[in-house]
Amino acid sequence: MYSYTATAVAALALLQPAIASPWGGKNHPPPPPPPQVGPPYLNQLAQQHGKLWLGTAADIPGTNESTDAGYMEIVTNEKIFGQLTPANMMKFQYTEPEQNVFNYSGGDYILDLAERDHQRVRCHNLVWVDELSPFVTNTNWTAAQLTAIMKTHILNVVTHWSDRCYSWDVVNEALNGDGTFSSSVWYDTIGPEYFYQAYEFATEAVRRTGKDIKLYYNDYGLENPGTKTTAAYNLVKELQKRKSRIDGVGLESHFEVGATPSLADQNAAKKGFLALGINVAVTELDVRFTAEPYYTPAGLAQQAQDYYTSVQSCMTVWDFDDKYSWVPSTFPGQGAADIYNATLQRKPAYYAIAEAIEGKPCTVCKV
């Protein structure tokens, strides 16, 4: 895709006679190609090979994604994605913007969309350090008061949507890299007990619904053996000891091109969770370039290899296109982390995922 600045276009107009464009106007660059939506179909392949789905996150509604027809054509295609995760709309600040005032409209939007297209929804998330309502963070609560707030929030949100949610990320990103609890309003006010209370309340909420709603712990840095992964194993063991429901762990897998954990390491980490009798899901897979240029043949081949390696374990991608990626705003100068580019054309990584699902050698992992 070519992008022209206003200055560059003006300079071209001075040098060239006006030429009528078939797209309207004069001297406009060609429009982007239509989004790629044909085979191979990733979710269809995943289900044919015994997986529940291959899914994606979507930051809708409230963003340009929901008004981008090409984006919506891809994200709602159940052959490509069989599951959706709301990137933001079910987080605390959106679902309980004021104390005891609940707003389910954003979550309803994505649930309605998914149900229309026969997709399942992983609901995300109930307790996290970030995207909290001001009433939570701007008041000096006692431990007892904040615990009551957390309980009210979890019981209301989980029971409201019931099993329209296949699962919930109950606590998100509770650990530092060294395996200790990270600072948050929850930890700083209540202490480590907040983590276990969250699952106690979520277990109670699921019981009230009478439905089978899976409860997960979700975090990054758990994709290979190490201190943080061991700490996560211990959290699961403690929850099991307390008889709280814990069905699985979500591995965020926000990787860097050329620095993705090996297949052996990823498998070893997952086996440790599986040995505890819980499920493992790769919940937020993306592989970002840490510096430009992003789209060199060698770089794209390496990115394809990194996706291939990760999907050999298990799979869900965290959004799917570079156009709306979360990466550049979080990591300035980095990007191009996803499997579609900014014009919704498939990158080699897309085809690497298909080959990994099918157990075929990666033909796009080489220049």
Protein backbone atom coordinates (compact mmCIF):
# COMPACT_ATOMS: atom_id res chain seq x y z
CA MET A 1 0.00 0.00 0.00
CA TYR A 2 1.30 3.46 -0.93
CA SER A 3 0.58 6.50 1.20
CA TYR A 4 1.07 10.01 -0.10
CA THR A 5 1.34 13.17 1.96
CA ALA A 6 -0.65 16.21 0.88
CA THR A 7 2.61 17.92 -0.10
CA ALA A 8 3.66 15.02 -2.30
CA VAL A 9 0.31 14.90 -4.06
CA ALA A 10 0.42 18.65 -4.70
CA ALA A 11 3.89 18.35 -6.21
CA LEU A 12 2.72 15.59 -8.54
CA ALA A 13 -0.18 17.74 -9.66
CA LEU A 14 2.20 20.50 -10.74
CA LEU A 15 4.27 18.13 -12.85
CA GLN A 16 1.51 16.09 -14.46
CA PRO A 17 -1.63 16.96 -16.40
CA ALA A 18 -4.90 16.12 -14.72
CA ILE A 19 -5.85 12.50 -15.43
CA ALA A 20 -9.29 11.24 -14.64
CA SER A 21 -9.22 8.39 -12.14
CA PRO A 22 -11.55 5.41 -12.42
CA TRP A 23 -12.04 5.70 -8.65
CA GLY A 24 -13.22 9.31 -8.80
CA GLY A 25 -11.26 12.56 -8.53
CA LYS A 26 -7.83 13.07 -10.04
CA ASN A 27 -4.45 11.50 -9.44
CA HIS A 28 -5.59 9.44 -6.49
CA PRO A 29 -3.65 6.32 -5.54
CA PRO A 30 -5.51 3.09 -6.21
CA PRO A 31 -7.89 1.91 -3.52
CA PRO A 32 -6.78 -0.91 -1.24
CA PRO A 33 -7.57 -4.41 -2.43
CA PRO A 34 -10.62 -6.16 -0.97
CA PRO A 35 -10.05 -8.11 2.28
CA GLN A 36 -8.95 -11.69 1.87
CA VAL A 37 -11.68 -14.00 3.15
CA GLY A 38 -11.31 -17.18 1.07
CA PRO A 39 -9.66 -20.47 2.05
CA PRO A 40 -7.70 -21.66 3.87
CA TYR A 41 -10.15 -21.16 6.74
CA LEU A 42 -8.30 -21.26 10.04
CA ASN A 43 -11.18 -22.07 12.38
CA GLN A 44 -12.53 -24.70 10.05
CA LEU A 45 -9.11 -26.35 9.89
CA ALA A 46 -8.71 -26.16 13.69
CA GLN A 47 -12.04 -27.88 14.29
CA GLN A 48 -11.28 -30.53 11.68
CA HIS A 49 -8.12 -31.32 13.66
CA GLY A 50 -9.77 -31.67 17.06
CA LYS A 51 -9.52 -28.13 18.46
CA LEU A 52 -12.45 -26.20 19.89
CA TRP A 53 -11.73 -23.22 17.66
CA LEU A 54 -9.26 -20.68 16.44
CA GLY A 55 -10.41 -17.31 17.68
CA THR A 56 -9.53 -13.65 17.82
CA ALA A 57 -10.01 -10.62 20.02
CA ALA A 58 -12.00 -7.67 18.71
CA ASP A 59 -12.00 -4.15 20.13
CA ILE A 60 -15.63 -3.48 19.31
CA PRO A 61 -17.91 -1.59 19.64
CA GLY A 62 -16.75 1.99 20.12
CA THR A 63 -13.80 1.89 17.72
CA ASN A 64 -13.27 2.27 13.99
CA GLU A 65 -13.22 -1.52 13.71
CA SER A 66 -17.01 -1.72 13.98
CA THR A 67 -17.50 0.67 11.03
CA ASP A 68 -14.82 -0.92 8.84
CA ALA A 69 -16.73 -3.19 6.48
CA GLY A 70 -13.65 -5.18 5.47
CA TYR A 71 -12.62 -5.79 9.06
CA MET A 72 -16.14 -6.83 10.05
CA GLU A 73 -16.37 -9.18 7.08
CA ILE A 74 -13.33 -11.06 8.39
CA VAL A 75 -14.03 -11.01 12.13
CA THR A 76 -17.58 -12.31 11.70
CA ASN A 77 -16.57 -15.13 9.34
CA GLU A 78 -17.00 -18.27 11.47
CA LYS A 79 -14.88 -20.26 9.02
CA ILE A 80 -11.90 -18.02 9.86
CA PHE A 81 -12.60 -17.34 13.55
CA GLY A 82 -14.85 -19.53 15.70
CA GLN A 83 -14.50 -17.52 18.89
CA LEU A 84 -14.36 -13.84 19.87
CA THR A 85 -12.83 -12.17 22.92
CA PRO A 86 -13.95 -8.62 23.72
CA ALA A 87 -10.69 -6.72 24.05
CA ASN A 88 -12.19 -4.07 26.34
CA MET A 89 -15.98 -3.92 26.54
CA MET A 90 -16.40 -6.35 29.44
CA LYS A 91 -13.73 -4.81 31.65
CA PHE A 92 -14.66 -3.13 34.92
CA GLN A 93 -14.83 0.49 33.77
CA TYR A 94 -17.31 -0.39 31.02
CA THR A 95 -19.52 -2.83 32.91
CA GLU A 96 -19.73 -0.91 36.23
CA PRO A 97 -18.85 2.71 35.47
CA GLU A 98 -20.36 3.90 38.76
CA GLN A 99 -20.75 1.92 41.94
CA ASN A 100 -23.73 -0.45 41.63
CA VAL A 101 -24.60 1.02 38.21
CA PHE A 102 -24.07 -1.63 35.55
CA ASN A 103 -23.86 -1.16 31.79
CA TYR A 104 -23.98 -4.28 29.66
CA SER A 105 -24.50 -2.65 26.25
CA GLY A 106 -20.94 -3.05 24.97
CA GLY A 107 -20.75 -6.66 26.01
CA ASP A 108 -24.20 -7.33 24.57
CA TYR A 109 -23.03 -5.96 21.22
CA ILE A 110 -20.20 -8.46 20.86
CA LEU A 111 -22.26 -11.34 22.27
CA ASP A 112 -25.09 -10.61 19.84
CA LEU A 113 -22.60 -10.44 16.98
CA ALA A 114 -20.93 -13.71 17.95
CA GLU A 115 -24.21 -15.56 18.46
CA ARG A 116 -25.48 -14.38 15.09
CA ASP A 117 -22.40 -15.89 13.46
CA HIS A 118 -22.30 -19.09 15.57
CA GLN A 119 -19.13 -18.03 17.41
CA ARG A 120 -18.35 -18.60 21.10
CA VAL A 121 -17.14 -15.83 23.43
CA ARG A 122 -14.37 -15.87 26.01
CA CYS A 123 -15.39 -13.07 28.37
CA HIS A 124 -12.53 -10.82 29.50
CA ASN A 125 -12.07 -9.84 32.38
CA LEU A 126 -13.38 -9.43 35.92
CA VAL A 127 -10.42 -8.28 38.07
CA TRP A 128 -7.38 -6.43 36.73
CA VAL A 129 -5.09 -3.58 37.71
CA ASP A 130 -6.12 -1.44 34.74
CA GLU A 131 -9.30 -0.09 33.10
CA LEU A 132 -11.01 0.29 36.44
CA SER A 133 -13.80 2.75 37.18
CA PRO A 134 -12.78 5.95 38.97
CA PHE A 135 -14.90 5.06 42.00
CA VAL A 136 -12.64 2.04 42.55
CA THR A 137 -9.31 3.84 42.28
CA ASN A 138 -10.12 7.30 43.65
CA THR A 139 -11.34 6.27 47.10
CA ASN A 140 -9.41 5.06 50.13
CA TRP A 141 -11.33 1.86 50.68
CA THR A 142 -10.75 -0.49 53.57
CA ALA A 143 -9.97 -4.11 52.70
CA ALA A 144 -13.49 -5.15 53.71
CA GLN A 145 -15.12 -2.42 51.61
CA LEU A 146 -13.08 -3.19 48.49
CA THR A 147 -13.70 -6.91 48.90
CA ALA A 148 -17.44 -6.22 48.96
CA ILE A 149 -17.10 -4.12 45.77
CA MET A 150 -15.26 -6.94 44.03
CA LYS A 151 -17.84 -9.49 45.13
CA THR A 152 -20.76 -7.36 43.95
CA HIS A 153 -19.12 -6.78 40.59
CA ILE A 154 -18.30 -10.44 39.95
CA LEU A 155 -21.69 -11.76 41.04
CA ASN A 156 -23.61 -9.25 38.94
CA VAL A 157 -21.58 -9.49 35.75
CA VAL A 158 -21.19 -13.28 35.69
CA THR A 159 -24.82 -14.02 36.52
CA HIS A 160 -26.10 -11.38 34.06
CA TRP A 161 -24.45 -12.95 31.01
CA SER A 162 -24.54 -16.50 32.39
CA ASP A 163 -23.44 -19.08 29.82
CA ARG A 164 -23.55 -16.65 26.93
CA CYS A 165 -19.93 -16.49 28.08
CA TYR A 166 -18.12 -19.74 27.38
CA SER A 167 -15.56 -18.70 30.00
CA TRP A 168 -14.28 -15.80 32.08
CA ASP A 169 -10.78 -14.54 32.74
CA VAL A 170 -11.44 -14.02 36.44
CA VAL A 171 -8.11 -12.41 37.35
CA ASN A 172 -5.88 -10.92 34.70
CA GLU A 173 -2.13 -10.39 35.06
CA ALA A 174 -1.69 -10.75 38.80
CA LEU A 175 2.02 -11.62 38.81
CA ASN A 176 5.32 -9.81 38.34
CA GLY A 177 8.09 -11.43 36.36
CA ASP A 178 9.69 -12.70 39.58
CA GLY A 179 6.49 -14.51 40.59
CA THR A 180 5.39 -12.06 43.27
CA PHE A 181 2.01 -10.36 43.22
CA SER A 182 2.05 -7.12 41.25
CA SER A 183 0.87 -3.84 42.71
CA SER A 184 -2.78 -2.97 42.15
CA VAL A 185 -5.61 -1.38 44.06
CA TRP A 186 -6.74 -4.92 44.86
CA TYR A 187 -3.41 -6.22 46.13
CA ASP A 188 -2.36 -2.98 47.83
CA THR A 189 -5.65 -2.75 49.74
CA ILE A 190 -6.63 -6.37 50.36
CA GLY A 191 -3.33 -8.22 50.01
CA PRO A 192 -2.77 -11.55 48.24
CA GLU A 193 -6.09 -12.85 49.50
CA TYR A 194 -7.84 -10.76 46.83
CA PHE A 195 -6.74 -13.28 44.19
CA TYR A 196 -8.35 -16.24 45.94
CA GLN A 197 -11.45 -14.28 46.89
CA ALA A 198 -12.03 -13.39 43.23
CA TYR A 199 -12.26 -17.10 42.36
CA GLU A 200 -14.38 -17.81 45.41
CA PHE A 201 -16.88 -15.17 44.25
CA ALA A 202 -16.71 -16.32 40.61
CA THR A 203 -17.30 -19.92 41.71
CA GLU A 204 -20.36 -18.77 43.66
CA ALA A 205 -21.61 -16.80 40.65
CA VAL A 206 -21.29 -19.81 38.33
CA ARG A 207 -23.10 -21.95 40.88
CA ARG A 208 -25.97 -19.43 40.95
CA THR A 209 -26.37 -19.66 37.17
CA GLY A 210 -26.51 -23.44 37.21
CA LYS A 211 -24.46 -23.38 34.00
CA ASP A 212 -21.04 -24.70 32.99
CA ILE A 213 -19.00 -21.51 32.68
CA LYS A 214 -15.23 -22.00 32.63
CA LEU A 215 -13.04 -19.92 34.93
CA TYR A 216 -9.52 -19.00 33.82
CA TYR A 217 -6.45 -17.19 35.04
CA ASN A 218 -4.88 -15.09 32.27
CA ASP A 219 -1.32 -13.72 32.15
CA TYR A 220 1.74 -13.12 29.99
CA GLY A 221 5.18 -14.60 30.56
CA LEU A 222 3.86 -18.09 31.31
CA GLU A 223 4.85 -19.57 27.95
CA ASN A 224 8.11 -21.18 29.03
CA PRO A 225 9.39 -22.67 32.29
CA GLY A 226 10.61 -20.16 34.84
CA THR A 227 9.91 -18.37 38.10
CA LYS A 228 6.68 -16.71 36.98
CA THR A 229 5.31 -19.91 35.47
CA THR A 230 6.09 -21.82 38.66
CA ALA A 231 4.31 -19.13 40.67
CA ALA A 232 1.25 -19.55 38.42
CA TYR A 233 1.31 -23.32 39.01
CA ASN A 234 1.24 -22.57 42.75
CA LEU A 235 -1.73 -20.21 42.38
CA VAL A 236 -3.67 -22.97 40.64
CA LYS A 237 -2.73 -25.49 43.33
CA GLU A 238 -3.91 -23.15 46.07
CA LEU A 239 -7.22 -22.54 44.32
CA GLN A 240 -7.71 -26.28 43.99
CA LYS A 241 -6.86 -26.74 47.66
CA ARG A 242 -9.53 -24.16 48.55
CA LYS A 243 -12.11 -25.93 46.33
CA SER A 244 -12.54 -22.87 44.13
CA ARG A 245 -13.27 -23.45 40.49
CA ILE A 246 -10.28 -23.07 38.18
CA ASP A 247 -10.75 -24.63 34.75
CA GLY A 248 -7.79 -23.29 32.87
CA VAL A 249 -5.01 -20.82 32.32
CA GLY A 250 -4.71 -18.41 29.42
CA LEU A 251 -1.26 -17.66 28.02
CA GLU A 252 -1.16 -14.21 26.47
CA SER A 253 1.86 -14.96 24.25
CA HIS A 254 2.75 -11.40 23.24
CA PHE A 255 5.96 -12.35 21.47
CA GLU A 256 8.69 -10.58 19.49
CA VAL A 257 9.80 -11.63 16.03
CA GLY A 258 12.84 -13.85 16.40
CA ALA A 259 12.51 -14.05 20.18
CA THR A 260 9.56 -16.42 20.52
CA PRO A 261 10.04 -19.30 23.01
CA SER A 262 10.92 -22.59 21.39
CA LEU A 263 8.34 -25.28 20.79
CA ALA A 264 10.01 -27.41 23.46
CA ASP A 265 9.77 -24.61 26.05
CA GLN A 266 6.19 -23.75 25.16
CA ASN A 267 5.18 -27.38 25.40
CA ALA A 268 6.99 -27.84 28.73
CA ALA A 269 5.18 -24.88 30.29
CA LYS A 270 1.80 -26.09 29.04
CA LYS A 271 2.41 -29.63 30.28
CA GLY A 272 2.97 -28.25 33.78
CA PHE A 273 -0.54 -26.76 33.77
CA LEU A 274 -2.08 -29.81 32.13
CA ALA A 275 -0.55 -31.96 34.87
CA LEU A 276 -2.68 -30.00 37.34
CA GLY A 277 -5.80 -31.16 35.53
CA ILE A 278 -6.71 -27.82 33.93
CA ASN A 279 -7.01 -26.61 30.36
CA VAL A 280 -4.50 -24.40 28.57
CA ALA A 281 -5.38 -21.80 25.95
CA VAL A 282 -3.17 -19.39 24.04
CA THR A 283 -5.44 -16.40 24.49
CA GLU A 284 -3.71 -13.34 23.04
CA LEU A 285 -1.16 -14.47 20.46
CA ASP A 286 0.65 -11.80 18.49
CA VAL A 287 4.26 -11.53 17.29
CA ARG A 288 5.50 -7.96 16.92
CA PHE A 289 8.42 -6.43 15.11
CA THR A 290 10.55 -4.39 17.53
CA ALA A 291 11.80 -2.01 14.84
CA GLU A 292 11.11 -1.07 11.25
CA PRO A 293 11.20 -2.13 8.46
CA TYR A 294 8.29 -4.41 9.24
CA TYR A 295 7.59 -6.02 5.89
CA THR A 296 10.88 -7.38 4.59
CA PRO A 297 10.72 -10.92 3.15
CA ALA A 298 13.13 -12.18 5.82
CA GLY A 299 11.18 -10.52 8.63
CA LEU A 300 7.85 -11.85 7.44
CA ALA A 301 9.32 -15.34 7.09
CA GLN A 302 10.63 -15.21 10.66
CA GLN A 303 7.27 -13.94 11.93
CA ALA A 304 5.58 -16.81 10.10
CA GLN A 305 7.95 -19.25 11.81
CA ASP A 306 7.16 -17.75 15.21
CA TYR A 307 3.42 -18.08 14.63
CA TYR A 308 3.92 -21.60 13.31
CA THR A 309 5.87 -22.61 16.43
CA SER A 310 3.25 -21.17 18.78
CA VAL A 311 0.24 -22.60 16.98
CA GLN A 312 1.82 -26.03 17.06
CA SER A 313 0.94 -25.84 20.76
CA CYS A 314 -2.54 -24.21 20.77
CA MET A 315 -4.19 -21.08 19.55
CA THR A 316 -6.16 -17.82 19.70
CA VAL A 317 -4.88 -14.59 18.16
CA TRP A 318 -5.16 -11.20 19.85
CA ASP A 319 -6.94 -9.28 17.14
CA PHE A 320 -5.79 -10.17 13.66
CA ASP A 321 -4.75 -7.09 11.69
CA ASP A 322 -1.99 -4.49 11.84
CA LYS A 323 -4.47 -1.68 11.10
CA TYR A 324 -6.04 -1.73 14.57
CA SER A 325 -3.19 -3.32 16.52
CA TRP A 326 -2.69 -2.40 20.17
CA VAL A 327 1.09 -2.70 19.81
CA PRO A 328 2.20 0.72 18.41
CA SER A 329 0.45 2.69 21.16
CA THR A 330 1.96 0.46 23.86
CA PHE A 331 5.41 -0.10 22.31
CA PRO A 332 6.34 3.02 20.28
CA GLY A 333 8.31 2.13 17.15
CA GLN A 334 7.13 -1.48 17.22
CA GLY A 335 4.27 -3.13 15.36
CA ALA A 336 3.09 -5.30 12.47
CA ALA A 337 2.29 -8.00 15.03
CA ASP A 338 -0.73 -9.62 13.44
CA ILE A 339 -1.64 -12.02 10.62
CA TYR A 340 -3.35 -9.50 8.31
CA ASN A 341 -1.64 -6.28 7.24
CA ALA A 342 -3.19 -2.81 7.38
CA THR A 343 -5.07 -3.36 4.09
CA LEU A 344 -6.50 -6.65 5.37
CA GLN A 345 -4.28 -8.81 3.19
CA ARG A 346 -2.95 -12.02 4.65
CA LYS A 347 0.67 -12.15 5.71
CA PRO A 348 2.79 -15.32 5.54
CA ALA A 349 1.95 -15.85 9.23
CA TYR A 350 -1.68 -16.59 8.30
CA TYR A 351 -0.64 -19.45 6.06
CA ALA A 352 1.90 -20.62 8.66
CA ILE A 353 -0.97 -21.03 11.14
CA ALA A 354 -2.91 -23.10 8.62
CA GLU A 355 0.09 -25.35 8.03
CA ALA A 356 0.75 -25.72 11.75
CA ILE A 357 -2.86 -26.76 12.35
CA GLU A 358 -2.63 -29.36 9.60
CA GLY A 359 0.73 -30.66 10.81
CA LYS A 360 2.41 -29.75 7.56
CA PRO A 361 5.94 -28.34 7.18
CA CYS A 362 5.98 -24.54 7.10
CA THR A 363 6.43 -23.54 3.46
CA VAL A 364 6.17 -19.79 4.19
CA CYS A 365 8.82 -19.73 6.93
CA LYS A 366 11.60 -19.33 4.40
CA VAL A 367 12.51 -16.42 2.15
